[in-house]
């Protein structure tokens, strides 16, 4: 049965036209689905009963179920979500005063092998559909009982590996008759898929862009992020320099600090040189530990020294305080796992 949450506004209009309905019905249904977040056809009280029955016979509203909710001491909540085919993904709600940020997943597992990331231990399961991506937002909104203010595609998976469905989800989430998110309130994070970055730059839907950099030399980045062997730092930064940014918008560079790997004063100096002239900011993320990677979080003194050096050299650098790390909900810790899935310990070359 077709999931209507997968459909753009125009596609929903086409479905209703096939049923012999007038164009305005698409507006009504789209608003019920995406602005109000209903999960049952019977709740759409301004639709004729006959239409509701036809829709119920031909289409479903969503396919995800919340399996488990964990709440951190800092108020962060992690949703473990089951898909229709028995897979698991995770999504995280991060409160900050009046604001509520949701971190959403784009894939079951991940095909990339970033050495510091727990999701990489799962391997790749499958891409999520646009409907499964947007439904995470509606499940989060229902659980929180309030509007999500910011969305970050930083959960499980590499968003640009699931390009078509991610862009489709962006079109659905930013539609003014639906959830009506501002493009400026949505961030898509990538490990550095240059072809996807170039393609995204040509779209009419333009979220904020975040780049997971995490190293200042190709040798180190090859080790911690093997995707660098295909698109090295030079190629990645060339794509960012060519990326069309609207006025007063910046690219975010995420930099996971790994003790003894990428946290030296020399790394701070190289980082400043690499990003010089780019409209950007740097989010420094002390590594969030998990038992399947051989790294350590730097000491507070080393973290402070790195940030201070980057800032001294003129680069805006912000320290990301871990949120939800006591429930494995912090950056790099998401690893919703079927009990049948084997654990894969991520190795590291002795030379690093």
C-alpha atoms as a PDB file:
ATOM      1  CA  UNK A   1       0.000   0.000   0.000  1.00  0.00           C
ATOM      2  CA  UNK A   2       1.356   3.425  -0.972  1.00  0.00           C
ATOM      3  CA  UNK A   3       2.635   5.719   1.795  1.00  0.00           C
ATOM      4  CA  UNK A   4       1.210   9.204   1.192  1.00  0.00           C
ATOM      5  CA  UNK A   5       3.957  10.784   3.297  1.00  0.00           C
ATOM      6  CA  UNK A   6       6.288   9.958   0.391  1.00  0.00           C
ATOM      7  CA  UNK A   7       4.338  12.241  -1.937  1.00  0.00           C
ATOM      8  CA  UNK A   8       5.069  15.857  -2.744  1.00  0.00           C
ATOM      9  CA  UNK A   9       2.140  18.237  -2.889  1.00  0.00           C
ATOM     10  CA  UNK A  10       1.916  17.892  -6.695  1.00  0.00           C
ATOM     11  CA  UNK A  11       2.104  14.092  -6.540  1.00  0.00           C
ATOM     12  CA  UNK A  12      -0.652  14.020  -3.944  1.00  0.00           C
ATOM     13  CA  UNK A  13      -2.736  16.169  -6.280  1.00  0.00           C
ATOM     14  CA  UNK A  14      -2.141  13.626  -9.047  1.00  0.00           C
ATOM     15  CA  UNK A  15      -3.297  10.762  -6.816  1.00  0.00           C
ATOM     16  CA  UNK A  16      -6.494  12.592  -5.913  1.00  0.00           C
ATOM     17  CA  UNK A  17      -7.113  13.556  -9.546  1.00  0.00           C
ATOM     18  CA  UNK A  18      -6.969   9.836 -10.423  1.00  0.00           C
ATOM     19  CA  UNK A  19      -9.761   9.377  -7.887  1.00  0.00           C
ATOM     20  CA  UNK A  20     -11.819  12.043  -9.649  1.00  0.00           C
ATOM     21  CA  UNK A  21     -11.355  14.652  -6.939  1.00  0.00           C
ATOM     22  CA  UNK A  22     -10.999  18.409  -7.419  1.00  0.00           C
ATOM     23  CA  UNK A  23      -7.637  20.138  -7.045  1.00  0.00           C
ATOM     24  CA  UNK A  24      -8.422  21.827  -3.711  1.00  0.00           C
ATOM     25  CA  UNK A  25      -8.687  18.433  -2.013  1.00  0.00           C
ATOM     26  CA  UNK A  26      -4.913  18.051  -2.344  1.00  0.00           C
ATOM     27  CA  UNK A  27      -4.417  21.220  -0.278  1.00  0.00           C
ATOM     28  CA  UNK A  28      -6.717  19.877   2.417  1.00  0.00           C
ATOM     29  CA  UNK A  29      -5.104  16.462   2.599  1.00  0.00           C
ATOM     30  CA  UNK A  30      -1.551  17.848   2.493  1.00  0.00           C
ATOM     31  CA  UNK A  31      -2.318  20.183   5.389  1.00  0.00           C
ATOM     32  CA  UNK A  32      -3.823  17.362   7.445  1.00  0.00           C
ATOM     33  CA  UNK A  33      -0.768  15.179   6.818  1.00  0.00           C
ATOM     34  CA  UNK A  34       2.081  17.661   7.183  1.00  0.00           C
ATOM     35  CA  UNK A  35       0.845  20.710   9.085  1.00  0.00           C
ATOM     36  CA  UNK A  36      -1.373  18.886  11.587  1.00  0.00           C
ATOM     37  CA  UNK A  37       0.369  15.514  11.565  1.00  0.00           C
ATOM     38  CA  UNK A  38      -2.691  13.280  11.628  1.00  0.00           C
ATOM     39  CA  UNK A  39      -2.122   9.525  11.314  1.00  0.00           C
ATOM     40  CA  UNK A  40      -5.663   8.384  10.480  1.00  0.00           C
ATOM     41  CA  UNK A  41      -7.922   9.159   7.527  1.00  0.00           C
ATOM     42  CA  UNK A  42     -10.929   9.338   9.828  1.00  0.00           C
ATOM     43  CA  UNK A  43      -9.432  12.439  11.492  1.00  0.00           C
ATOM     44  CA  UNK A  44      -9.717  14.476   8.272  1.00  0.00           C
ATOM     45  CA  UNK A  45     -13.154  15.729   9.182  1.00  0.00           C
ATOM     46  CA  UNK A  46     -13.597  18.215   6.316  1.00  0.00           C
ATOM     47  CA  UNK A  47     -13.235  15.455   3.699  1.00  0.00           C
ATOM     48  CA  UNK A  48     -16.297  13.556   2.470  1.00  0.00           C
ATOM     49  CA  UNK A  49     -16.659  10.153   4.074  1.00  0.00           C
ATOM     50  CA  UNK A  50     -16.534   8.475   0.660  1.00  0.00           C
ATOM     51  CA  UNK A  51     -13.157  10.067  -0.097  1.00  0.00           C
ATOM     52  CA  UNK A  52     -11.755   9.049   3.277  1.00  0.00           C
ATOM     53  CA  UNK A  53     -12.824   5.480   2.593  1.00  0.00           C
ATOM     54  CA  UNK A  54     -11.209   5.519  -0.860  1.00  0.00           C
ATOM     55  CA  UNK A  55      -7.975   6.881   0.557  1.00  0.00           C
ATOM     56  CA  UNK A  56      -7.952   4.314   3.359  1.00  0.00           C
ATOM     57  CA  UNK A  57      -8.348   1.532   0.794  1.00  0.00           C
ATOM     58  CA  UNK A  58      -5.498   2.750  -1.424  1.00  0.00           C
ATOM     59  CA  UNK A  59      -2.920   4.449   0.792  1.00  0.00           C
ATOM     60  CA  UNK A  60      -1.449   4.449   4.285  1.00  0.00           C
ATOM     61  CA  UNK A  61      -0.238   7.346   6.421  1.00  0.00           C
ATOM     62  CA  UNK A  62       3.288   6.509   7.468  1.00  0.00           C
ATOM     63  CA  UNK A  63       4.918   3.241   8.405  1.00  0.00           C
ATOM     64  CA  UNK A  64       7.147   3.932  11.403  1.00  0.00           C
ATOM     65  CA  UNK A  65       6.560   3.052  15.045  1.00  0.00           C
ATOM     66  CA  UNK A  66       8.443   4.307  18.087  1.00  0.00           C
ATOM     67  CA  UNK A  67       9.997   1.262  19.737  1.00  0.00           C
ATOM     68  CA  UNK A  68      11.788   2.904  22.689  1.00  0.00           C
ATOM     69  CA  UNK A  69      12.288   6.406  24.093  1.00  0.00           C
ATOM     70  CA  UNK A  70      15.271   7.165  26.332  1.00  0.00           C
ATOM     71  CA  UNK A  71      15.624  10.425  28.231  1.00  0.00           C
ATOM     72  CA  UNK A  72      18.979  11.895  29.202  1.00  0.00           C
ATOM     73  CA  UNK A  73      19.715  13.766  32.404  1.00  0.00           C
ATOM     74  CA  UNK A  74      20.061  16.909  30.255  1.00  0.00           C
ATOM     75  CA  UNK A  75      16.578  16.483  28.748  1.00  0.00           C
ATOM     76  CA  UNK A  76      17.705  15.054  25.406  1.00  0.00           C
ATOM     77  CA  UNK A  77      15.463  12.241  24.160  1.00  0.00           C
ATOM     78  CA  UNK A  78      16.479   9.426  21.830  1.00  0.00           C
ATOM     79  CA  UNK A  79      13.807   7.642  19.800  1.00  0.00           C
ATOM     80  CA  UNK A  80      14.502   4.121  18.630  1.00  0.00           C
ATOM     81  CA  UNK A  81      12.181   3.682  15.653  1.00  0.00           C
ATOM     82  CA  UNK A  82      11.115   0.495  13.892  1.00  0.00           C
ATOM     83  CA  UNK A  83      10.488   0.540  10.146  1.00  0.00           C
ATOM     84  CA  UNK A  84       7.791  -1.459   8.358  1.00  0.00           C
ATOM     85  CA  UNK A  85      10.344  -4.131   7.407  1.00  0.00           C
ATOM     86  CA  UNK A  86      11.693  -4.562  10.930  1.00  0.00           C
ATOM     87  CA  UNK A  87      14.779  -2.342  10.662  1.00  0.00           C
ATOM     88  CA  UNK A  88      15.774   0.175  13.331  1.00  0.00           C
ATOM     89  CA  UNK A  89      16.805   3.807  13.115  1.00  0.00           C
ATOM     90  CA  UNK A  90      17.329   6.500  15.724  1.00  0.00           C
ATOM     91  CA  UNK A  91      16.309  10.140  16.008  1.00  0.00           C
ATOM     92  CA  UNK A  92      17.206  12.600  18.755  1.00  0.00           C
ATOM     93  CA  UNK A  93      15.307  15.544  20.269  1.00  0.00           C
ATOM     94  CA  UNK A  94      17.599  18.201  21.766  1.00  0.00           C
ATOM     95  CA  UNK A  95      15.898  20.946  23.826  1.00  0.00           C
ATOM     96  CA  UNK A  96      17.590  24.308  24.308  1.00  0.00           C
ATOM     97  CA  UNK A  97      15.284  26.747  26.088  1.00  0.00           C
ATOM     98  CA  UNK A  98      12.455  27.647  23.736  1.00  0.00           C
ATOM     99  CA  UNK A  99      14.187  25.901  20.847  1.00  0.00           C
ATOM    100  CA  UNK A 100      13.940  22.212  19.997  1.00  0.00           C
ATOM    101  CA  UNK A 101      16.342  20.658  17.525  1.00  0.00           C
ATOM    102  CA  UNK A 102      15.743  17.224  16.018  1.00  0.00           C
ATOM    103  CA  UNK A 103      18.517  15.089  14.586  1.00  0.00           C
ATOM    104  CA  UNK A 104      17.065  12.761  11.936  1.00  0.00           C
ATOM    105  CA  UNK A 105      18.389   9.740  10.050  1.00  0.00           C
ATOM    106  CA  UNK A 106      18.495   9.235   6.292  1.00  0.00           C
ATOM    107  CA  UNK A 107      19.590   5.591   6.105  1.00  0.00           C
ATOM    108  CA  UNK A 108      19.463   2.339   8.024  1.00  0.00           C
ATOM    109  CA  UNK A 109      23.125   2.101   8.999  1.00  0.00           C
ATOM    110  CA  UNK A 110      25.737   3.724   6.770  1.00  0.00           C
ATOM    111  CA  UNK A 111      27.904   2.674   3.837  1.00  0.00           C
ATOM    112  CA  UNK A 112      30.792   4.904   4.899  1.00  0.00           C
ATOM    113  CA  UNK A 113      33.457   3.700   7.280  1.00  0.00           C
ATOM    114  CA  UNK A 114      34.264   6.740   9.405  1.00  0.00           C
ATOM    115  CA  UNK A 115      36.445   5.200  12.096  1.00  0.00           C
ATOM    116  CA  UNK A 116      35.132   7.251  15.012  1.00  0.00           C
ATOM    117  CA  UNK A 117      31.397   6.794  14.345  1.00  0.00           C
ATOM    118  CA  UNK A 118      29.227   4.126  15.979  1.00  0.00           C
ATOM    119  CA  UNK A 119      26.812   4.058  13.031  1.00  0.00           C
ATOM    120  CA  UNK A 120      29.657   2.807  10.824  1.00  0.00           C
ATOM    121  CA  UNK A 121      29.754  -0.411  12.873  1.00  0.00           C
ATOM    122  CA  UNK A 122      26.324  -1.351  11.491  1.00  0.00           C
ATOM    123  CA  UNK A 123      27.262  -1.359   7.827  1.00  0.00           C
ATOM    124  CA  UNK A 124      24.681  -0.301   5.271  1.00  0.00           C
ATOM    125  CA  UNK A 125      21.091  -1.567   5.537  1.00  0.00           C
ATOM    126  CA  UNK A 126      19.070   0.505   3.090  1.00  0.00           C
ATOM    127  CA  UNK A 127      18.063   4.034   2.188  1.00  0.00           C
ATOM    128  CA  UNK A 128      15.064   5.558   3.919  1.00  0.00           C
ATOM    129  CA  UNK A 129      12.222   6.869   1.808  1.00  0.00           C
ATOM    130  CA  UNK A 130      11.257  10.534   1.914  1.00  0.00           C
ATOM    131  CA  UNK A 131       8.176   9.487   3.869  1.00  0.00           C
ATOM    132  CA  UNK A 132      10.286   7.714   6.485  1.00  0.00           C
ATOM    133  CA  UNK A 133      12.501  10.783   6.808  1.00  0.00           C
ATOM    134  CA  UNK A 134       9.649  13.265   7.293  1.00  0.00           C
ATOM    135  CA  UNK A 135       7.700  10.895   9.548  1.00  0.00           C
ATOM    136  CA  UNK A 136      10.559  11.007  12.063  1.00  0.00           C
ATOM    137  CA  UNK A 137       9.842  14.727  12.396  1.00  0.00           C
ATOM    138  CA  UNK A 138       6.150  14.162  13.011  1.00  0.00           C
ATOM    139  CA  UNK A 139       6.832  11.428  15.566  1.00  0.00           C
ATOM    140  CA  UNK A 140       9.258  13.761  17.331  1.00  0.00           C
ATOM    141  CA  UNK A 141       6.778  16.621  17.256  1.00  0.00           C
ATOM    142  CA  UNK A 142       4.050  14.421  18.731  1.00  0.00           C
ATOM    143  CA  UNK A 143       6.331  13.133  21.486  1.00  0.00           C
ATOM    144  CA  UNK A 144       7.569  16.604  22.406  1.00  0.00           C
ATOM    145  CA  UNK A 145       4.112  18.164  22.195  1.00  0.00           C
ATOM    146  CA  UNK A 146       5.516  21.244  20.476  1.00  0.00           C
ATOM    147  CA  UNK A 147       6.966  22.450  17.206  1.00  0.00           C
ATOM    148  CA  UNK A 148      10.443  21.387  16.133  1.00  0.00           C
ATOM    149  CA  UNK A 149      12.420  24.589  15.542  1.00  0.00           C
ATOM    150  CA  UNK A 150      15.519  23.181  13.819  1.00  0.00           C
ATOM    151  CA  UNK A 151      16.233  20.023  11.826  1.00  0.00           C
ATOM    152  CA  UNK A 152      19.648  18.475  11.294  1.00  0.00           C
ATOM    153  CA  UNK A 153      20.255  15.579   8.921  1.00  0.00           C
ATOM    154  CA  UNK A 154      23.033  14.301  11.150  1.00  0.00           C
ATOM    155  CA  UNK A 155      21.606  11.008  12.376  1.00  0.00           C
ATOM    156  CA  UNK A 156      22.281   7.581  10.961  1.00  0.00           C
ATOM    157  CA  UNK A 157      23.526   7.479   7.372  1.00  0.00           C
ATOM    158  CA  UNK A 158      25.150   9.773   4.822  1.00  0.00           C
ATOM    159  CA  UNK A 159      22.391  12.065   3.484  1.00  0.00           C
ATOM    160  CA  UNK A 160      24.027  12.635   0.106  1.00  0.00           C
ATOM    161  CA  UNK A 161      24.230   8.865  -0.474  1.00  0.00           C
ATOM    162  CA  UNK A 162      20.428   8.980  -0.382  1.00  0.00           C
ATOM    163  CA  UNK A 163      20.277  12.128  -2.458  1.00  0.00           C
ATOM    164  CA  UNK A 164      16.921  11.798  -4.240  1.00  0.00           C
ATOM    165  CA  UNK A 165      14.933  10.909  -1.133  1.00  0.00           C
ATOM    166  CA  UNK A 166      16.647  13.528   1.034  1.00  0.00           C
ATOM    167  CA  UNK A 167      15.891  16.291  -1.475  1.00  0.00           C
ATOM    168  CA  UNK A 168      12.302  15.040  -1.802  1.00  0.00           C
ATOM    169  CA  UNK A 169      11.954  15.165   1.993  1.00  0.00           C
ATOM    170  CA  UNK A 170      13.285  18.739   1.986  1.00  0.00           C
ATOM    171  CA  UNK A 171      10.652  19.768  -0.550  1.00  0.00           C
ATOM    172  CA  UNK A 172       7.913  18.222   1.592  1.00  0.00           C
ATOM    173  CA  UNK A 173       9.132  19.683   4.892  1.00  0.00           C
ATOM    174  CA  UNK A 174       9.590  23.224   3.533  1.00  0.00           C
ATOM    175  CA  UNK A 175       6.234  23.436   1.714  1.00  0.00           C
ATOM    176  CA  UNK A 176       4.201  26.349   3.052  1.00  0.00           C
ATOM    177  CA  UNK A 177       1.024  24.244   3.360  1.00  0.00           C
ATOM    178  CA  UNK A 178       2.830  21.615   5.392  1.00  0.00           C
ATOM    179  CA  UNK A 179       5.420  21.688   8.157  1.00  0.00           C
ATOM    180  CA  UNK A 180       6.664  24.955   6.583  1.00  0.00           C
ATOM    181  CA  UNK A 181      10.266  24.750   7.769  1.00  0.00           C
ATOM    182  CA  UNK A 182      12.531  27.571   6.674  1.00  0.00           C
ATOM    183  CA  UNK A 183      15.508  26.415   4.606  1.00  0.00           C
ATOM    184  CA  UNK A 184      17.625  28.323   7.116  1.00  0.00           C
ATOM    185  CA  UNK A 185      16.369  26.066   9.922  1.00  0.00           C
ATOM    186  CA  UNK A 186      17.472  22.835   8.226  1.00  0.00           C
ATOM    187  CA  UNK A 187      21.061  21.581   8.027  1.00  0.00           C
ATOM    188  CA  UNK A 188      22.277  18.685   5.902  1.00  0.00           C
ATOM    189  CA  UNK A 189      25.588  17.195   7.029  1.00  0.00           C
ATOM    190  CA  UNK A 190      27.883  15.253   4.715  1.00  0.00           C
ATOM    191  CA  UNK A 191      31.160  13.400   5.118  1.00  0.00           C
ATOM    192  CA  UNK A 192      32.302  15.066   1.902  1.00  0.00           C
ATOM    193  CA  UNK A 193      30.575  13.577  -1.155  1.00  0.00           C
ATOM    194  CA  UNK A 194      31.783  16.174  -3.641  1.00  0.00           C
ATOM    195  CA  UNK A 195      29.424  15.101  -6.447  1.00  0.00           C
ATOM    196  CA  UNK A 196      26.445  15.412  -4.096  1.00  0.00           C
ATOM    197  CA  UNK A 197      27.559  18.824  -2.839  1.00  0.00           C
ATOM    198  CA  UNK A 198      27.831  20.080  -6.412  1.00  0.00           C
ATOM    199  CA  UNK A 199      24.405  18.683  -7.257  1.00  0.00           C
ATOM    200  CA  UNK A 200      22.798  20.172  -4.140  1.00  0.00           C
ATOM    201  CA  UNK A 201      24.176  23.563  -5.126  1.00  0.00           C
ATOM    202  CA  UNK A 202      22.039  23.440  -8.277  1.00  0.00           C
ATOM    203  CA  UNK A 203      18.760  22.722  -6.450  1.00  0.00           C
ATOM    204  CA  UNK A 204      16.088  25.321  -5.753  1.00  0.00           C
ATOM    205  CA  UNK A 205      15.742  23.929  -2.229  1.00  0.00           C
ATOM    206  CA  UNK A 206      18.835  24.980  -0.314  1.00  0.00           C
ATOM    207  CA  UNK A 207      19.375  23.881   3.308  1.00  0.00           C
ATOM    208  CA  UNK A 208      22.360  24.856   5.402  1.00  0.00           C
ATOM    209  CA  UNK A 209      25.396  22.735   4.625  1.00  0.00           C
ATOM    210  CA  UNK A 210      27.653  21.105   7.208  1.00  0.00           C
ATOM    211  CA  UNK A 211      30.877  19.315   6.312  1.00  0.00           C
ATOM    212  CA  UNK A 212      32.358  16.622   8.534  1.00  0.00           C
ATOM    213  CA  UNK A 213      36.052  17.488   8.101  1.00  0.00           C
ATOM    214  CA  UNK A 214      37.822  16.052  11.159  1.00  0.00           C
ATOM    215  CA  UNK A 215      41.401  16.308   9.894  1.00  0.00           C
ATOM    216  CA  UNK A 216      43.804  18.827   8.384  1.00  0.00           C
ATOM    217  CA  UNK A 217      45.982  16.491   6.314  1.00  0.00           C
ATOM    218  CA  UNK A 218      45.019  13.878   3.760  1.00  0.00           C
ATOM    219  CA  UNK A 219      47.062  11.255   5.584  1.00  0.00           C
ATOM    220  CA  UNK A 220      45.035  11.635   8.782  1.00  0.00           C
ATOM    221  CA  UNK A 221      41.707  12.074   7.006  1.00  0.00           C
ATOM    222  CA  UNK A 222      42.374   8.942   4.908  1.00  0.00           C
ATOM    223  CA  UNK A 223      42.679   7.096   8.199  1.00  0.00           C
ATOM    224  CA  UNK A 224      39.678   8.450  10.093  1.00  0.00           C
ATOM    225  CA  UNK A 225      37.422   8.990   7.045  1.00  0.00           C
ATOM    226  CA  UNK A 226      38.288   6.645   4.152  1.00  0.00           C
ATOM    227  CA  UNK A 227      36.004   8.604   1.800  1.00  0.00           C
ATOM    228  CA  UNK A 228      38.917  11.060   1.638  1.00  0.00           C
ATOM    229  CA  UNK A 229      40.716   8.617  -0.662  1.00  0.00           C
ATOM    230  CA  UNK A 230      38.092   9.396  -3.319  1.00  0.00           C
ATOM    231  CA  UNK A 231      37.535  13.087  -2.563  1.00  0.00           C
ATOM    232  CA  UNK A 232      40.498  14.496  -0.703  1.00  0.00           C
ATOM    233  CA  UNK A 233      40.607  17.700   1.291  1.00  0.00           C
ATOM    234  CA  UNK A 234      41.616  19.784  -1.715  1.00  0.00           C
ATOM    235  CA  UNK A 235      38.739  18.528  -3.876  1.00  0.00           C
ATOM    236  CA  UNK A 236      36.289  18.914  -1.002  1.00  0.00           C
ATOM    237  CA  UNK A 237      37.258  22.504  -0.248  1.00  0.00           C
ATOM    238  CA  UNK A 238      37.190  23.391  -3.952  1.00  0.00           C
ATOM    239  CA  UNK A 239      33.567  22.186  -4.070  1.00  0.00           C
ATOM    240  CA  UNK A 240      32.730  24.258  -0.987  1.00  0.00           C
ATOM    241  CA  UNK A 241      34.314  27.373  -2.450  1.00  0.00           C
ATOM    242  CA  UNK A 242      32.159  26.919  -5.563  1.00  0.00           C
ATOM    243  CA  UNK A 243      28.975  26.231  -3.580  1.00  0.00           C
ATOM    244  CA  UNK A 244      26.420  29.056  -4.024  1.00  0.00           C
ATOM    245  CA  UNK A 245      25.659  30.628  -0.656  1.00  0.00           C
ATOM    246  CA  UNK A 246      22.961  33.161  -0.040  1.00  0.00           C
ATOM    247  CA  UNK A 247      23.897  36.392   1.665  1.00  0.00           C
ATOM    248  CA  UNK A 248      24.826  36.026   5.349  1.00  0.00           C
ATOM    249  CA  UNK A 249      24.841  32.241   5.214  1.00  0.00           C
ATOM    250  CA  UNK A 250      27.862  30.176   6.187  1.00  0.00           C
ATOM    251  CA  UNK A 251      29.054  26.619   5.759  1.00  0.00           C
ATOM    252  CA  UNK A 252      29.608  24.744   9.020  1.00  0.00           C
ATOM    253  CA  UNK A 253      32.689  22.567   9.340  1.00  0.00           C
ATOM    254  CA  UNK A 254      32.381  19.846  11.961  1.00  0.00           C
ATOM    255  CA  UNK A 255      35.639  18.802  13.561  1.00  0.00           C
ATOM    256  CA  UNK A 256      35.601  15.801  15.912  1.00  0.00           C
ATOM    257  CA  UNK A 257      38.568  16.101  18.252  1.00  0.00           C
ATOM    258  CA  UNK A 258      40.448  12.810  18.726  1.00  0.00           C
ATOM    259  CA  UNK A 259      43.225  12.732  21.311  1.00  0.00           C
ATOM    260  CA  UNK A 260      46.656  12.365  19.733  1.00  0.00           C
ATOM    261  CA  UNK A 261      45.203  12.176  16.213  1.00  0.00           C
ATOM    262  CA  UNK A 262      43.965  15.624  15.129  1.00  0.00           C
ATOM    263  CA  UNK A 263      44.119  17.858  18.203  1.00  0.00           C
ATOM    264  CA  UNK A 264      47.666  19.234  18.054  1.00  0.00           C
ATOM    265  CA  UNK A 265      48.439  22.981  17.832  1.00  0.00           C
ATOM    266  CA  UNK A 266      49.735  22.287  14.321  1.00  0.00           C
ATOM    267  CA  UNK A 267      46.297  20.959  13.370  1.00  0.00           C
ATOM    268  CA  UNK A 268      44.676  24.129  14.692  1.00  0.00           C
ATOM    269  CA  UNK A 269      47.027  26.245  12.561  1.00  0.00           C
ATOM    270  CA  UNK A 270      46.438  24.132   9.450  1.00  0.00           C
ATOM    271  CA  UNK A 271      42.673  24.254   9.976  1.00  0.00           C
ATOM    272  CA  UNK A 272      42.749  28.030  10.023  1.00  0.00           C
ATOM    273  CA  UNK A 273      44.840  28.141   6.848  1.00  0.00           C
ATOM    274  CA  UNK A 274      42.635  25.621   5.023  1.00  0.00           C
ATOM    275  CA  UNK A 275      39.417  27.528   5.698  1.00  0.00           C
ATOM    276  CA  UNK A 276      40.784  31.039   5.285  1.00  0.00           C
ATOM    277  CA  UNK A 277      38.504  33.189   3.126  1.00  0.00           C
ATOM    278  CA  UNK A 278      35.519  30.839   3.325  1.00  0.00           C
ATOM    279  CA  UNK A 279      32.251  32.134   4.824  1.00  0.00           C
ATOM    280  CA  UNK A 280      32.177  29.482   7.519  1.00  0.00           C
ATOM    281  CA  UNK A 281      32.270  28.539  11.156  1.00  0.00           C
ATOM    282  CA  UNK A 282      33.755  25.511  12.905  1.00  0.00           C
ATOM    283  CA  UNK A 283      31.956  23.330  15.409  1.00  0.00           C
ATOM    284  CA  UNK A 284      34.499  21.551  17.583  1.00  0.00           C
ATOM    285  CA  UNK A 285      33.124  18.235  18.853  1.00  0.00           C
ATOM    286  CA  UNK A 286      35.099  16.385  21.533  1.00  0.00           C
ATOM    287  CA  UNK A 287      34.819  12.730  20.544  1.00  0.00           C
ATOM    288  CA  UNK A 288      31.856  10.988  22.155  1.00  0.00           C
ATOM    289  CA  UNK A 289      33.161   7.601  23.293  1.00  0.00           C
ATOM    290  CA  UNK A 290      31.738   4.230  22.309  1.00  0.00           C
ATOM    291  CA  UNK A 291      33.402   0.844  22.783  1.00  0.00           C
ATOM    292  CA  UNK A 292      33.832  -0.041  19.101  1.00  0.00           C
ATOM    293  CA  UNK A 293      36.430   2.568  18.163  1.00  0.00           C
ATOM    294  CA  UNK A 294      40.002   2.913  19.479  1.00  0.00           C
ATOM    295  CA  UNK A 295      40.023   6.645  20.179  1.00  0.00           C
ATOM    296  CA  UNK A 296      40.040   8.894  23.236  1.00  0.00           C
ATOM    297  CA  UNK A 297      38.452  12.242  23.970  1.00  0.00           C
ATOM    298  CA  UNK A 298      41.108  14.941  24.462  1.00  0.00           C
ATOM    299  CA  UNK A 299      41.561  16.459  27.895  1.00  0.00           C
ATOM    300  CA  UNK A 300      39.604  19.639  28.693  1.00  0.00           C
ATOM    301  CA  UNK A 301      42.915  21.543  28.610  1.00  0.00           C
ATOM    302  CA  UNK A 302      43.758  20.239  25.127  1.00  0.00           C
ATOM    303  CA  UNK A 303      40.263  21.092  23.874  1.00  0.00           C
ATOM    304  CA  UNK A 304      40.484  24.633  25.235  1.00  0.00           C
ATOM    305  CA  UNK A 305      43.951  25.111  23.771  1.00  0.00           C
ATOM    306  CA  UNK A 306      42.810  23.933  20.332  1.00  0.00           C
ATOM    307  CA  UNK A 307      39.762  26.204  20.317  1.00  0.00           C
ATOM    308  CA  UNK A 308      41.738  29.202  21.535  1.00  0.00           C
ATOM    309  CA  UNK A 309      44.374  28.735  18.846  1.00  0.00           C
ATOM    310  CA  UNK A 310      41.814  28.449  16.065  1.00  0.00           C
ATOM    311  CA  UNK A 311      40.056  31.587  17.296  1.00  0.00           C
ATOM    312  CA  UNK A 312      43.354  33.445  17.710  1.00  0.00           C
ATOM    313  CA  UNK A 313      44.047  32.776  14.049  1.00  0.00           C
ATOM    314  CA  UNK A 314      40.753  34.392  13.071  1.00  0.00           C
ATOM    315  CA  UNK A 315      38.419  31.445  12.517  1.00  0.00           C
ATOM    316  CA  UNK A 316      35.023  31.357  14.318  1.00  0.00           C
ATOM    317  CA  UNK A 317      35.136  28.182  16.430  1.00  0.00           C
ATOM    318  CA  UNK A 318      32.429  26.935  18.764  1.00  0.00           C
ATOM    319  CA  UNK A 319      32.635  24.091  21.236  1.00  0.00           C
ATOM    320  CA  UNK A 320      29.726  21.662  20.955  1.00  0.00           C
ATOM    321  CA  UNK A 321      28.841  20.478  24.444  1.00  0.00           C
ATOM    322  CA  UNK A 322      27.856  16.793  24.309  1.00  0.00           C
ATOM    323  CA  UNK A 323      24.106  16.322  24.682  1.00  0.00           C
ATOM    324  CA  UNK A 324      22.599  12.972  25.575  1.00  0.00           C
ATOM    325  CA  UNK A 325      25.909  11.124  25.792  1.00  0.00           C
ATOM    326  CA  UNK A 326      24.672   9.222  28.854  1.00  0.00           C
ATOM    327  CA  UNK A 327      22.089   7.495  26.592  1.00  0.00           C
ATOM    328  CA  UNK A 328      24.394   7.186  23.561  1.00  0.00           C
ATOM    329  CA  UNK A 329      22.496   9.955  21.780  1.00  0.00           C
ATOM    330  CA  UNK A 330      25.388  12.346  21.190  1.00  0.00           C
ATOM    331  CA  UNK A 331      27.098  13.025  17.876  1.00  0.00           C
ATOM    332  CA  UNK A 332      28.661   9.827  16.503  1.00  0.00           C
ATOM    333  CA  UNK A 333      26.978   7.498  19.001  1.00  0.00           C
ATOM    334  CA  UNK A 334      23.806   6.499  17.128  1.00  0.00           C
ATOM    335  CA  UNK A 335      23.739   2.787  16.399  1.00  0.00           C
ATOM    336  CA  UNK A 336      20.207   1.383  16.532  1.00  0.00           C
ATOM    337  CA  UNK A 337      20.941  -2.278  16.234  1.00  0.00           C
ATOM    338  CA  UNK A 338      18.909  -5.382  15.566  1.00  0.00           C
ATOM    339  CA  UNK A 339      20.063  -8.026  18.065  1.00  0.00           C
ATOM    340  CA  UNK A 340      20.956 -10.290  15.121  1.00  0.00           C
ATOM    341  CA  UNK A 341      23.480  -7.747  13.783  1.00  0.00           C
ATOM    342  CA  UNK A 342      27.130  -8.500  14.575  1.00  0.00           C
ATOM    343  CA  UNK A 343      29.326  -5.951  16.303  1.00  0.00           C
ATOM    344  CA  UNK A 344      32.148  -4.665  14.128  1.00  0.00           C
ATOM    345  CA  UNK A 345      35.082  -3.113  15.930  1.00  0.00           C
ATOM    346  CA  UNK A 346      36.643  -0.275  13.928  1.00  0.00           C
ATOM    347  CA  UNK A 347      40.407  -0.480  13.722  1.00  0.00           C
ATOM    348  CA  UNK A 348      43.138   2.088  13.431  1.00  0.00           C
ATOM    349  CA  UNK A 349      46.623   2.032  11.966  1.00  0.00           C
ATOM    350  CA  UNK A 350      49.370   1.847  14.541  1.00  0.00           C
ATOM    351  CA  UNK A 351      51.190   4.744  12.845  1.00  0.00           C
ATOM    352  CA  UNK A 352      48.507   7.267  13.805  1.00  0.00           C
END
